[in-house]
C-alpha cells in the first residue's frame, strides 16, 4: 500500500527520476518556460518553488551550496541567485504556472507548459 506517498515514479528507477527532474528544473529556470507532460510538470513544480524560496531566504553559503547541489548547471544556479531572487522578492509562493497546451503530435499524449510567473 502507498499510504501518504507523494512522490511520483517517472522513470525506471530512482537515479533516472532524479536526473530527469533536475534537468527539467534547470531547463525551466534557464528558459523560463518548457513544454512537457502533466505528470512531469506536477513533479518538478515543488522543486522549482523550493529552489527560489531558498534563494530568497538568505545569502548564506549554505543556501548557495544547496541550490548548486540540486541544480548542477552554472547558468541555472547563477540565474536563480541573481535574476529570479530579485524578480520574486515581493511574492511569497506560487512562482510557477502550469497551463494545458494540447496533444503531442507523435503519440497524442497530453502536453502542458510549465512557466515562471
PDB file of N, CA and C in Angstrom:
ATOM      1  N   UNK A   1       0.834  -1.193   0.000  1.00  0.00           N
ATOM      2  CA  UNK A   1       0.000   0.000   0.000  1.00  0.00           C
ATOM      3  C   UNK A   1       0.871   1.247   0.000  1.00  0.00           C
ATOM      4  N   UNK A   2       0.387   2.289  -0.638  1.00  0.00           N
ATOM      5  CA  UNK A   2       1.171   3.513  -0.776  1.00  0.00           C
ATOM      6  C   UNK A   2       0.528   4.643   0.012  1.00  0.00           C
ATOM      7  N   UNK A   3       0.295   4.431   1.287  1.00  0.00           N
ATOM      8  CA  UNK A   3      -0.329   5.459   2.106  1.00  0.00           C
ATOM      9  C   UNK A   3       0.590   6.653   2.270  1.00  0.00           C
ATOM     10  N   UNK A   4       0.092   7.832   1.953  1.00  0.00           N
ATOM     11  CA  UNK A   4       0.789   9.108   2.132  1.00  0.00           C
ATOM     12  C   UNK A   4       2.124   9.192   1.399  1.00  0.00           C
ATOM     13  N   UNK A   5       2.257   8.510   0.287  1.00  0.00           N
ATOM     14  CA  UNK A   5       3.448   8.591  -0.532  1.00  0.00           C
ATOM     15  C   UNK A   5       3.151   9.574  -1.654  1.00  0.00           C
ATOM     16  N   UNK A   6       3.848  10.705  -1.667  1.00  0.00           N
ATOM     17  CA  UNK A   6       3.548  11.763  -2.620  1.00  0.00           C
ATOM     18  C   UNK A   6       4.445  11.742  -3.851  1.00  0.00           C
ATOM     19  N   UNK A   7       5.554  11.058  -3.805  1.00  0.00           N
ATOM     20  CA  UNK A   7       6.481  11.061  -4.928  1.00  0.00           C
ATOM     21  C   UNK A   7       5.938  10.230  -6.077  1.00  0.00           C
ATOM     22  N   UNK A   8       6.209  10.677  -7.280  1.00  0.00           N
ATOM     23  CA  UNK A   8       5.753  10.008  -8.488  1.00  0.00           C
ATOM     24  C   UNK A   8       6.956   9.319  -9.126  1.00  0.00           C
ATOM     25  N   UNK A   9       6.770   8.089  -9.551  1.00  0.00           N
ATOM     26  CA  UNK A   9       7.846   7.353 -10.207  1.00  0.00           C
ATOM     27  C   UNK A   9       7.778   7.640 -11.703  1.00  0.00           C
ATOM     28  N   UNK A  10       8.669   8.470 -12.190  1.00  0.00           N
ATOM     29  CA  UNK A  10       8.631   8.894 -13.583  1.00  0.00           C
ATOM     30  C   UNK A  10       9.493   8.031 -14.487  1.00  0.00           C
ATOM     31  N   UNK A  11      10.548   7.495 -13.946  1.00  0.00           N
ATOM     32  CA  UNK A  11      11.456   6.708 -14.767  1.00  0.00           C
ATOM     33  C   UNK A  11      11.460   5.269 -14.325  1.00  0.00           C
ATOM     34  N   UNK A  12      12.456   4.541 -14.761  1.00  0.00           N
ATOM     35  CA  UNK A  12      12.532   3.131 -14.416  1.00  0.00           C
ATOM     36  C   UNK A  12      13.088   2.925 -13.013  1.00  0.00           C
ATOM     37  N   UNK A  13      13.930   3.828 -12.554  1.00  0.00           N
ATOM     38  CA  UNK A  13      14.476   3.708 -11.210  1.00  0.00           C
ATOM     39  C   UNK A  13      14.716   5.101 -10.625  1.00  0.00           C
ATOM     40  N   UNK A  14      15.231   5.150  -9.404  1.00  0.00           N
ATOM     41  CA  UNK A  14      15.393   6.410  -8.677  1.00  0.00           C
ATOM     42  C   UNK A  14      16.391   7.339  -9.351  1.00  0.00           C
ATOM     43  N   UNK A  15      17.482   6.806  -9.841  1.00  0.00           N
ATOM     44  CA  UNK A  15      18.505   7.637 -10.468  1.00  0.00           C
ATOM     45  C   UNK A  15      17.984   8.319 -11.733  1.00  0.00           C
ATOM     46  N   UNK A  16      17.231   7.581 -12.523  1.00  0.00           N
ATOM     47  CA  UNK A  16      16.674   8.153 -13.746  1.00  0.00           C
ATOM     48  C   UNK A  16      15.662   9.244 -13.421  1.00  0.00           C
ATOM     49  N   UNK A  17      14.842   9.021 -12.401  1.00  0.00           N
ATOM     50  CA  UNK A  17      13.838  10.007 -11.999  1.00  0.00           C
ATOM     51  C   UNK A  17      14.490  11.284 -11.493  1.00  0.00           C
ATOM     52  N   UNK A  18      15.519  11.163 -10.652  1.00  0.00           N
ATOM     53  CA  UNK A  18      16.171  12.358 -10.120  1.00  0.00           C
ATOM     54  C   UNK A  18      16.881  13.143 -11.212  1.00  0.00           C
ATOM     55  N   UNK A  19      17.526  12.453 -12.140  1.00  0.00           N
ATOM     56  CA  UNK A  19      18.200  13.173 -13.224  1.00  0.00           C
ATOM     57  C   UNK A  19      17.191  13.855 -14.141  1.00  0.00           C
ATOM     58  N   UNK A  20      16.062  13.193 -14.394  1.00  0.00           N
ATOM     59  CA  UNK A  20      15.024  13.788 -15.228  1.00  0.00           C
ATOM     60  C   UNK A  20      14.477  15.057 -14.579  1.00  0.00           C
ATOM     61  N   UNK A  21      14.203  15.003 -13.274  1.00  0.00           N
ATOM     62  CA  UNK A  21      13.651  16.168 -12.577  1.00  0.00           C
ATOM     63  C   UNK A  21      14.667  17.305 -12.474  1.00  0.00           C
ATOM     64  N   UNK A  22      15.932  16.972 -12.263  1.00  0.00           N
ATOM     65  CA  UNK A  22      16.966  18.012 -12.206  1.00  0.00           C
ATOM     66  C   UNK A  22      17.110  18.713 -13.552  1.00  0.00           C
ATOM     67  N   UNK A  23      17.152  17.933 -14.624  1.00  0.00           N
ATOM     68  CA  UNK A  23      17.303  18.521 -15.952  1.00  0.00           C
ATOM     69  C   UNK A  23      16.095  19.360 -16.335  1.00  0.00           C
ATOM     70  N   UNK A  24      14.905  18.897 -15.981  1.00  0.00           N
ATOM     71  CA  UNK A  24      13.697  19.657 -16.283  1.00  0.00           C
ATOM     72  C   UNK A  24      13.656  20.948 -15.469  1.00  0.00           C
ATOM     73  N   UNK A  25      14.061  20.882 -14.206  1.00  0.00           N
ATOM     74  CA  UNK A  25      14.090  22.085 -13.367  1.00  0.00           C
ATOM     75  C   UNK A  25      15.102  23.096 -13.901  1.00  0.00           C
ATOM     76  N   UNK A  26      16.270  22.614 -14.329  1.00  0.00           N
ATOM     77  CA  UNK A  26      17.265  23.521 -14.890  1.00  0.00           C
ATOM     78  C   UNK A  26      16.764  24.160 -16.178  1.00  0.00           C
ATOM     79  N   UNK A  27      16.048  23.405 -16.995  1.00  0.00           N
ATOM     80  CA  UNK A  27      15.520  23.957 -18.244  1.00  0.00           C
ATOM     81  C   UNK A  27      14.465  25.012 -17.984  1.00  0.00           C
ATOM     82  N   UNK A  28      13.603  24.771 -17.013  1.00  0.00           N
ATOM     83  CA  UNK A  28      12.567  25.759 -16.689  1.00  0.00           C
ATOM     84  C   UNK A  28      13.202  27.036 -16.157  1.00  0.00           C
ATOM     85  N   UNK A  29      14.229  26.913 -15.347  1.00  0.00           N
ATOM     86  CA  UNK A  29      14.879  28.097 -14.783  1.00  0.00           C
ATOM     87  C   UNK A  29      15.631  28.870 -15.866  1.00  0.00           C
ATOM     88  N   UNK A  30      16.310  28.185 -16.756  1.00  0.00           N
ATOM     89  CA  UNK A  30      17.081  28.868 -17.791  1.00  0.00           C
ATOM     90  C   UNK A  30      16.179  29.490 -18.852  1.00  0.00           C
ATOM     91  N   UNK A  31      15.223  28.710 -19.374  1.00  0.00           N
ATOM     92  CA  UNK A  31      14.400  29.175 -20.494  1.00  0.00           C
ATOM     93  C   UNK A  31      13.078  29.811 -20.062  1.00  0.00           C
ATOM     94  N   UNK A  32      12.698  29.687 -18.798  1.00  0.00           N
ATOM     95  CA  UNK A  32      11.509  30.261 -18.162  1.00  0.00           C
ATOM     96  C   UNK A  32      10.198  29.656 -18.635  1.00  0.00           C
ATOM     97  N   UNK A  33      10.192  28.788 -19.633  1.00  0.00           N
ATOM     98  CA  UNK A  33       9.007  28.004 -19.993  1.00  0.00           C
ATOM     99  C   UNK A  33       9.420  26.783 -20.781  1.00  0.00           C
ATOM    100  N   UNK A  34       8.743  25.653 -20.486  1.00  0.00           N
ATOM    101  CA  UNK A  34       9.071  24.382 -21.108  1.00  0.00           C
ATOM    102  C   UNK A  34       7.775  23.612 -21.334  1.00  0.00           C
ATOM    103  N   UNK A  35       7.662  22.927 -22.463  1.00  0.00           N
ATOM    104  CA  UNK A  35       6.526  22.047 -22.726  1.00  0.00           C
ATOM    105  C   UNK A  35       6.887  20.637 -22.287  1.00  0.00           C
ATOM    106  N   UNK A  36       5.992  20.002 -21.517  1.00  0.00           N
ATOM    107  CA  UNK A  36       6.230  18.659 -21.014  1.00  0.00           C
ATOM    108  C   UNK A  36       4.889  17.999 -20.706  1.00  0.00           C
ATOM    109  N   UNK A  37       4.932  16.794 -20.177  1.00  0.00           N
ATOM    110  CA  UNK A  37       3.700  16.100 -19.819  1.00  0.00           C
ATOM    111  C   UNK A  37       3.203  16.581 -18.457  1.00  0.00           C
ATOM    112  N   UNK A  38       1.918  16.432 -18.174  1.00  0.00           N
ATOM    113  CA  UNK A  38       1.386  16.926 -16.899  1.00  0.00           C
ATOM    114  C   UNK A  38       2.001  16.273 -15.668  1.00  0.00           C
ATOM    115  N   UNK A  39       2.292  14.994 -15.756  1.00  0.00           N
ATOM    116  CA  UNK A  39       2.861  14.286 -14.608  1.00  0.00           C
ATOM    117  C   UNK A  39       4.253  14.814 -14.269  1.00  0.00           C
ATOM    118  N   UNK A  40       5.046  15.058 -15.284  1.00  0.00           N
ATOM    119  CA  UNK A  40       6.394  15.599 -15.062  1.00  0.00           C
ATOM    120  C   UNK A  40       6.330  17.030 -14.543  1.00  0.00           C
ATOM    121  N   UNK A  41       5.399  17.818 -15.072  1.00  0.00           N
ATOM    122  CA  UNK A  41       5.272  19.212 -14.631  1.00  0.00           C
ATOM    123  C   UNK A  41       4.854  19.284 -13.168  1.00  0.00           C
ATOM    124  N   UNK A  42       3.927  18.437 -12.767  1.00  0.00           N
ATOM    125  CA  UNK A  42       3.485  18.434 -11.371  1.00  0.00           C
ATOM    126  C   UNK A  42       4.568  17.930 -10.435  1.00  0.00           C
ATOM    127  N   UNK A  43       5.455  17.068 -10.937  1.00  0.00           N
ATOM    128  CA  UNK A  43       6.544  16.553 -10.107  1.00  0.00           C
ATOM    129  C   UNK A  43       7.668  17.572  -9.954  1.00  0.00           C
ATOM    130  N   UNK A  44       7.903  18.415 -10.969  1.00  0.00           N
ATOM    131  CA  UNK A  44       9.020  19.357 -10.919  1.00  0.00           C
ATOM    132  C   UNK A  44       8.617  20.694 -10.300  1.00  0.00           C
ATOM    133  N   UNK A  45       7.351  20.995 -10.227  1.00  0.00           N
ATOM    134  CA  UNK A  45       6.888  22.286  -9.712  1.00  0.00           C
ATOM    135  C   UNK A  45       7.353  22.554  -8.278  1.00  0.00           C
ATOM    136  N   UNK A  46       7.208  21.610  -7.324  1.00  0.00           N
ATOM    137  CA  UNK A  46       7.695  21.897  -5.975  1.00  0.00           C
ATOM    138  C   UNK A  46       9.204  22.075  -5.884  1.00  0.00           C
ATOM    139  N   UNK A  47       9.947  21.422  -6.765  1.00  0.00           N
ATOM    140  CA  UNK A  47      11.405  21.554  -6.744  1.00  0.00           C
ATOM    141  C   UNK A  47      11.809  22.974  -7.128  1.00  0.00           C
ATOM    142  N   UNK A  48      11.183  23.506  -8.164  1.00  0.00           N
ATOM    143  CA  UNK A  48      11.498  24.863  -8.611  1.00  0.00           C
ATOM    144  C   UNK A  48      11.093  25.882  -7.552  1.00  0.00           C
ATOM    145  N   UNK A  49       9.899  25.713  -6.981  1.00  0.00           N
ATOM    146  CA  UNK A  49       9.443  26.645  -5.944  1.00  0.00           C
ATOM    147  C   UNK A  49      10.362  26.612  -4.720  1.00  0.00           C
ATOM    148  N   UNK A  50      10.837  25.428  -4.369  1.00  0.00           N
ATOM    149  CA  UNK A  50      11.729  25.304  -3.219  1.00  0.00           C
ATOM    150  C   UNK A  50      13.067  25.983  -3.469  1.00  0.00           C
ATOM    151  N   UNK A  51      13.606  25.846  -4.680  1.00  0.00           N
ATOM    152  CA  UNK A  51      14.889  26.476  -5.003  1.00  0.00           C
ATOM    153  C   UNK A  51      14.786  28.003  -4.961  1.00  0.00           C
ATOM    154  N   UNK A  52      13.690  28.553  -5.481  1.00  0.00           N
ATOM    155  CA  UNK A  52      13.513  30.006  -5.455  1.00  0.00           C
ATOM    156  C   UNK A  52      13.325  30.485  -4.021  1.00  0.00           C
ATOM    157  N   UNK A  53      12.596  29.725  -3.207  1.00  0.00           N
ATOM    158  CA  UNK A  53      12.402  30.104  -1.805  1.00  0.00           C
ATOM    159  C   UNK A  53      13.715  30.079  -1.026  1.00  0.00           C
ATOM    160  N   UNK A  54      14.547  29.091  -1.299  1.00  0.00           N
ATOM    161  CA  UNK A  54      15.857  29.019  -0.640  1.00  0.00           C
ATOM    162  C   UNK A  54      16.709  30.216  -1.038  1.00  0.00           C
ATOM    163  N   UNK A  55      16.686  30.591  -2.308  1.00  0.00           N
ATOM    164  CA  UNK A  55      17.476  31.731  -2.770  1.00  0.00           C
ATOM    165  C   UNK A  55      16.974  33.031  -2.151  1.00  0.00           C
ATOM    166  N   UNK A  56      15.671  33.157  -1.963  1.00  0.00           N
ATOM    167  CA  UNK A  56      15.109  34.381  -1.398  1.00  0.00           C
ATOM    168  C   UNK A  56      15.395  34.522   0.086  1.00  0.00           C
ATOM    169  N   UNK A  57      15.433  33.410   0.819  1.00  0.00           N
ATOM    170  CA  UNK A  57      15.538  33.480   2.272  1.00  0.00           C
ATOM    171  C   UNK A  57      16.858  34.041   2.755  1.00  0.00           C
ATOM    172  N   UNK A  58      17.940  33.590   2.162  1.00  0.00           N
ATOM    173  CA  UNK A  58      19.220  34.001   2.721  1.00  0.00           C
ATOM    174  C   UNK A  58      20.310  34.030   1.667  1.00  0.00           C
ATOM    175  N   UNK A  59      21.359  34.788   1.985  1.00  0.00           N
ATOM    176  CA  UNK A  59      22.540  34.843   1.130  1.00  0.00           C
ATOM    177  C   UNK A  59      23.679  34.033   1.732  1.00  0.00           C
ATOM    178  N   UNK A  60      23.350  33.107   2.608  1.00  0.00           N
ATOM    179  CA  UNK A  60      24.388  32.344   3.269  1.00  0.00           C
ATOM    180  C   UNK A  60      25.026  31.351   2.315  1.00  0.00           C
ATOM    181  N   UNK A  61      26.174  30.896   2.684  1.00  0.00           N
ATOM    182  CA  UNK A  61      26.905  29.931   1.878  1.00  0.00           C
ATOM    183  C   UNK A  61      26.149  28.610   1.800  1.00  0.00           C
ATOM    184  N   UNK A  62      25.428  28.274   2.882  1.00  0.00           N
ATOM    185  CA  UNK A  62      24.656  27.029   2.892  1.00  0.00           C
ATOM    186  C   UNK A  62      23.568  27.041   1.828  1.00  0.00           C
ATOM    187  N   UNK A  63      22.878  28.163   1.674  1.00  0.00           N
ATOM    188  CA  UNK A  63      21.816  28.268   0.668  1.00  0.00           C
ATOM    189  C   UNK A  63      22.393  28.158  -0.741  1.00  0.00           C
ATOM    190  N   UNK A  64      23.520  28.812  -0.971  1.00  0.00           N
ATOM    191  CA  UNK A  64      24.163  28.754  -2.285  1.00  0.00           C
ATOM    192  C   UNK A  64      24.599  27.329  -2.605  1.00  0.00           C
ATOM    193  N   UNK A  65      25.172  26.633  -1.632  1.00  0.00           N
ATOM    194  CA  UNK A  65      25.612  25.262  -1.858  1.00  0.00           C
ATOM    195  C   UNK A  65      24.434  24.320  -2.080  1.00  0.00           C
ATOM    196  N   UNK A  66      23.339  24.557  -1.377  1.00  0.00           N
ATOM    197  CA  UNK A  66      22.167  23.701  -1.554  1.00  0.00           C
ATOM    198  C   UNK A  66      21.558  23.871  -2.949  1.00  0.00           C
ATOM    199  N   UNK A  67      21.515  25.101  -3.431  1.00  0.00           N
ATOM    200  CA  UNK A  67      21.000  25.345  -4.777  1.00  0.00           C
ATOM    201  C   UNK A  67      21.913  24.718  -5.819  1.00  0.00           C
ATOM    202  N   UNK A  68      23.213  24.880  -5.670  1.00  0.00           N
ATOM    203  CA  UNK A  68      24.151  24.326  -6.640  1.00  0.00           C
ATOM    204  C   UNK A  68      24.234  22.807  -6.563  1.00  0.00           C
ATOM    205  N   UNK A  69      23.878  22.229  -5.408  1.00  0.00           N
ATOM    206  CA  UNK A  69      23.838  20.778  -5.290  1.00  0.00           C
ATOM    207  C   UNK A  69      22.683  20.206  -6.111  1.00  0.00           C
ATOM    208  N   UNK A  70      21.550  20.873  -6.076  1.00  0.00           N
ATOM    209  CA  UNK A  70      20.375  20.377  -6.786  1.00  0.00           C
ATOM    210  C   UNK A  70      20.366  20.768  -8.252  1.00  0.00           C
ATOM    211  N   UNK A  71      20.813  21.963  -8.565  1.00  0.00           N
ATOM    212  CA  UNK A  71      20.856  22.429  -9.949  1.00  0.00           C
ATOM    213  C   UNK A  71      22.308  22.447 -10.395  1.00  0.00           C
ATOM    214  N   UNK A  72      22.735  21.398 -11.058  1.00  0.00           N
ATOM    215  CA  UNK A  72      24.149  21.227 -11.360  1.00  0.00           C
ATOM    216  C   UNK A  72      24.533  21.853 -12.690  1.00  0.00           C
ATOM    217  N   UNK A  73      24.107  23.071 -12.886  1.00  0.00           N
ATOM    218  CA  UNK A  73      24.462  23.815 -14.089  1.00  0.00           C
ATOM    219  C   UNK A  73      24.770  25.236 -13.641  1.00  0.00           C
ATOM    220  N   UNK A  74      25.889  25.759 -14.086  1.00  0.00           N
ATOM    221  CA  UNK A  74      26.348  27.055 -13.601  1.00  0.00           C
ATOM    222  C   UNK A  74      25.372  28.175 -13.933  1.00  0.00           C
ATOM    223  N   UNK A  75      24.815  28.153 -15.137  1.00  0.00           N
ATOM    224  CA  UNK A  75      23.913  29.230 -15.538  1.00  0.00           C
ATOM    225  C   UNK A  75      22.604  29.216 -14.768  1.00  0.00           C
ATOM    226  N   UNK A  76      22.072  28.034 -14.448  1.00  0.00           N
ATOM    227  CA  UNK A  76      20.799  27.970 -13.731  1.00  0.00           C
ATOM    228  C   UNK A  76      20.956  28.446 -12.297  1.00  0.00           C
ATOM    229  N   UNK A  77      22.030  28.048 -11.624  1.00  0.00           N
ATOM    230  CA  UNK A  77      22.212  28.496 -10.243  1.00  0.00           C
ATOM    231  C   UNK A  77      22.541  29.984 -10.193  1.00  0.00           C
ATOM    232  N   UNK A  78      23.281  30.474 -11.174  1.00  0.00           N
ATOM    233  CA  UNK A  78      23.595  31.903 -11.216  1.00  0.00           C
ATOM    234  C   UNK A  78      22.340  32.722 -11.485  1.00  0.00           C
ATOM    235  N   UNK A  79      21.482  32.246 -12.381  1.00  0.00           N
ATOM    236  CA  UNK A  79      20.254  32.969 -12.705  1.00  0.00           C
ATOM    237  C   UNK A  79      19.304  32.999 -11.518  1.00  0.00           C
ATOM    238  N   UNK A  80      19.216  31.896 -10.798  1.00  0.00           N
ATOM    239  CA  UNK A  80      18.293  31.854  -9.665  1.00  0.00           C
ATOM    240  C   UNK A  80      18.774  32.758  -8.537  1.00  0.00           C
ATOM    241  N   UNK A  81      20.092  32.893  -8.368  1.00  0.00           N
ATOM    242  CA  UNK A  81      20.622  33.718  -7.282  1.00  0.00           C
ATOM    243  C   UNK A  81      20.675  35.196  -7.643  1.00  0.00           C
ATOM    244  N   UNK A  82      20.769  35.532  -8.918  1.00  0.00           N
ATOM    245  CA  UNK A  82      20.894  36.937  -9.300  1.00  0.00           C
ATOM    246  C   UNK A  82      19.606  37.521  -9.870  1.00  0.00           C
ATOM    247  N   UNK A  83      18.960  36.815 -10.783  1.00  0.00           N
ATOM    248  CA  UNK A  83      17.814  37.373 -11.512  1.00  0.00           C
ATOM    249  C   UNK A  83      16.487  37.060 -10.824  1.00  0.00           C
ATOM    250  N   UNK A  84      16.234  35.765 -10.582  1.00  0.00           N
ATOM    251  CA  UNK A  84      14.927  35.363 -10.071  1.00  0.00           C
ATOM    252  C   UNK A  84      14.706  35.776  -8.621  1.00  0.00           C
ATOM    253  N   UNK A  85      15.775  35.891  -7.872  1.00  0.00           N
ATOM    254  CA  UNK A  85      15.662  36.334  -6.477  1.00  0.00           C
ATOM    255  C   UNK A  85      15.094  37.747  -6.403  1.00  0.00           C
ATOM    256  N   UNK A  86      15.563  38.619  -7.277  1.00  0.00           N
ATOM    257  CA  UNK A  86      15.061  39.996  -7.321  1.00  0.00           C
ATOM    258  C   UNK A  86      13.666  40.075  -7.928  1.00  0.00           C
ATOM    259  N   UNK A  87      13.394  39.214  -8.893  1.00  0.00           N
ATOM    260  CA  UNK A  87      12.097  39.232  -9.571  1.00  0.00           C
ATOM    261  C   UNK A  87      10.956  38.852  -8.624  1.00  0.00           C
ATOM    262  N   UNK A  88      11.210  37.914  -7.714  1.00  0.00           N
ATOM    263  CA  UNK A  88      10.168  37.402  -6.824  1.00  0.00           C
ATOM    264  C   UNK A  88      10.336  37.861  -5.385  1.00  0.00           C
ATOM    265  N   UNK A  89      10.974  39.001  -5.146  1.00  0.00           N
ATOM    266  CA  UNK A  89      11.203  39.428  -3.772  1.00  0.00           C
ATOM    267  C   UNK A  89       9.915  39.794  -3.037  1.00  0.00           C
ATOM    268  N   UNK A  90       8.864  40.219  -3.758  1.00  0.00           N
ATOM    269  CA  UNK A  90       7.598  40.567  -3.116  1.00  0.00           C
ATOM    270  C   UNK A  90       6.611  39.407  -3.085  1.00  0.00           C
ATOM    271  N   UNK A  91       6.910  38.316  -3.741  1.00  0.00           N
ATOM    272  CA  UNK A  91       5.990  37.179  -3.842  1.00  0.00           C
ATOM    273  C   UNK A  91       6.414  36.091  -2.861  1.00  0.00           C
ATOM    274  N   UNK A  92       5.445  35.546  -2.115  1.00  0.00           N
ATOM    275  CA  UNK A  92       5.757  34.531  -1.113  1.00  0.00           C
ATOM    276  C   UNK A  92       5.825  33.120  -1.691  1.00  0.00           C
ATOM    277  N   UNK A  93       4.907  32.803  -2.596  1.00  0.00           N
ATOM    278  CA  UNK A  93       4.889  31.458  -3.172  1.00  0.00           C
ATOM    279  C   UNK A  93       4.202  31.522  -4.532  1.00  0.00           C
ATOM    280  N   UNK A  94       4.080  30.377  -5.175  1.00  0.00           N
ATOM    281  CA  UNK A  94       3.428  30.322  -6.478  1.00  0.00           C
ATOM    282  C   UNK A  94       4.268  30.937  -7.571  1.00  0.00           C
ATOM    283  N   UNK A  95       5.491  30.445  -7.717  1.00  0.00           N
ATOM    284  CA  UNK A  95       6.410  31.003  -8.696  1.00  0.00           C
ATOM    285  C   UNK A  95       6.235  30.379 -10.075  1.00  0.00           C
ATOM    286  N   UNK A  96       5.498  29.271 -10.166  1.00  0.00           N
ATOM    287  CA  UNK A  96       5.321  28.585 -11.437  1.00  0.00           C
ATOM    288  C   UNK A  96       3.849  28.461 -11.787  1.00  0.00           C
ATOM    289  N   UNK A  97       3.586  28.307 -13.077  1.00  0.00           N
ATOM    290  CA  UNK A  97       2.220  28.145 -13.578  1.00  0.00           C
ATOM    291  C   UNK A  97       2.215  27.008 -14.590  1.00  0.00           C
ATOM    292  N   UNK A  98       1.190  26.150 -14.495  1.00  0.00           N
ATOM    293  CA  UNK A  98       1.036  25.045 -15.435  1.00  0.00           C
ATOM    294  C   UNK A  98      -0.222  25.302 -16.248  1.00  0.00           C
ATOM    295  N   UNK A  99      -0.073  25.369 -17.581  1.00  0.00           N
ATOM    296  CA  UNK A  99      -1.219  25.567 -18.472  1.00  0.00           C
ATOM    297  C   UNK A  99      -1.249  24.456 -19.515  1.00  0.00           C
ATOM    298  N   UNK A 100      -2.455  24.017 -19.856  1.00  0.00           N
ATOM    299  CA  UNK A 100      -2.612  22.966 -20.850  1.00  0.00           C
ATOM    300  C   UNK A 100      -2.346  23.526 -22.240  1.00  0.00           C
ATOM    301  N   UNK A 101      -1.631  22.752 -23.054  1.00  0.00           N
ATOM    302  CA  UNK A 101      -1.270  23.186 -24.398  1.00  0.00           C
ATOM    303  C   UNK A 101      -2.051  22.411 -25.456  1.00  0.00           C
ATOM    304  N   UNK A 102      -2.239  21.143 -25.257  1.00  0.00           N
ATOM    305  CA  UNK A 102      -2.931  20.316 -26.240  1.00  0.00           C
ATOM    306  C   UNK A 102      -2.346  18.920 -26.239  1.00  0.00           C
ATOM    307  N   UNK A 103      -2.357  18.283 -27.386  1.00  0.00           N
ATOM    308  CA  UNK A 103      -1.836  16.929 -27.511  1.00  0.00           C
ATOM    309  C   UNK A 103      -0.546  16.930 -28.320  1.00  0.00           C
ATOM    310  N   UNK A 104       0.359  16.020 -27.950  1.00  0.00           N
ATOM    311  CA  UNK A 104       1.605  15.870 -28.687  1.00  0.00           C
ATOM    312  C   UNK A 104       1.314  15.217 -30.031  1.00  0.00           C
ATOM    313  N   UNK A 105       1.987  15.680 -31.056  1.00  0.00           N
ATOM    314  CA  UNK A 105       1.691  15.244 -32.418  1.00  0.00           C
ATOM    315  C   UNK A 105       2.021  13.768 -32.652  1.00  0.00           C
ATOM    316  N   UNK A 106       3.089  13.271 -32.080  1.00  0.00           N
ATOM    317  CA  UNK A 106       3.529  11.910 -32.367  1.00  0.00           C
ATOM    318  C   UNK A 106       2.652  10.836 -31.771  1.00  0.00           C
ATOM    319  N   UNK A 107       2.387  10.902 -30.457  1.00  0.00           N
ATOM    320  CA  UNK A 107       1.652   9.821 -29.802  1.00  0.00           C
ATOM    321  C   UNK A 107       0.346  10.275 -29.159  1.00  0.00           C
ATOM    322  N   UNK A 108       0.011  11.547 -29.260  1.00  0.00           N
ATOM    323  CA  UNK A 108      -1.251  12.031 -28.714  1.00  0.00           C
ATOM    324  C   UNK A 108      -1.257  12.193 -27.212  1.00  0.00           C
ATOM    325  N   UNK A 109      -0.090  12.270 -26.597  1.00  0.00           N
ATOM    326  CA  UNK A 109      -0.025  12.459 -25.148  1.00  0.00           C
ATOM    327  C   UNK A 109      -0.416  13.900 -24.805  1.00  0.00           C
ATOM    328  N   UNK A 110      -1.106  14.102 -23.693  1.00  0.00           N
ATOM    329  CA  UNK A 110      -1.444  15.471 -23.292  1.00  0.00           C
ATOM    330  C   UNK A 110      -0.182  16.249 -22.924  1.00  0.00           C
ATOM    331  N   UNK A 111      -0.127  17.500 -23.311  1.00  0.00           N
ATOM    332  CA  UNK A 111       1.040  18.335 -23.043  1.00  0.00           C
ATOM    333  C   UNK A 111       0.625  19.570 -22.269  1.00  0.00           C
ATOM    334  N   UNK A 112       1.516  20.029 -21.403  1.00  0.00           N
ATOM    335  CA  UNK A 112       1.311  21.249 -20.645  1.00  0.00           C
ATOM    336  C   UNK A 112       2.556  22.107 -20.782  1.00  0.00           C
ATOM    337  N   UNK A 113       2.398  23.372 -20.421  1.00  0.00           N
ATOM    338  CA  UNK A 113       3.545  24.281 -20.416  1.00  0.00           C
ATOM    339  C   UNK A 113       3.743  24.755 -18.993  1.00  0.00           C
ATOM    340  N   UNK A 114       4.909  24.503 -18.439  1.00  0.00           N
ATOM    341  CA  UNK A 114       5.243  24.996 -17.110  1.00  0.00           C
ATOM    342  C   UNK A 114       6.125  26.219 -17.304  1.00  0.00           C
ATOM    343  N   UNK A 115       5.749  27.303 -16.642  1.00  0.00           N
ATOM    344  CA  UNK A 115       6.474  28.564 -16.839  1.00  0.00           C
ATOM    345  C   UNK A 115       6.595  29.303 -15.523  1.00  0.00           C
ATOM    346  N   UNK A 116       7.589  30.167 -15.457  1.00  0.00           N
ATOM    347  CA  UNK A 116       7.759  31.024 -14.290  1.00  0.00           C
ATOM    348  C   UNK A 116       6.818  32.213 -14.426  1.00  0.00           C
ATOM    349  N   UNK A 117       6.112  32.507 -13.359  1.00  0.00           N
ATOM    350  CA  UNK A 117       5.118  33.589 -13.387  1.00  0.00           C
ATOM    351  C   UNK A 117       5.810  34.926 -13.384  1.00  0.00           C
TER     352      UNK A 117
END
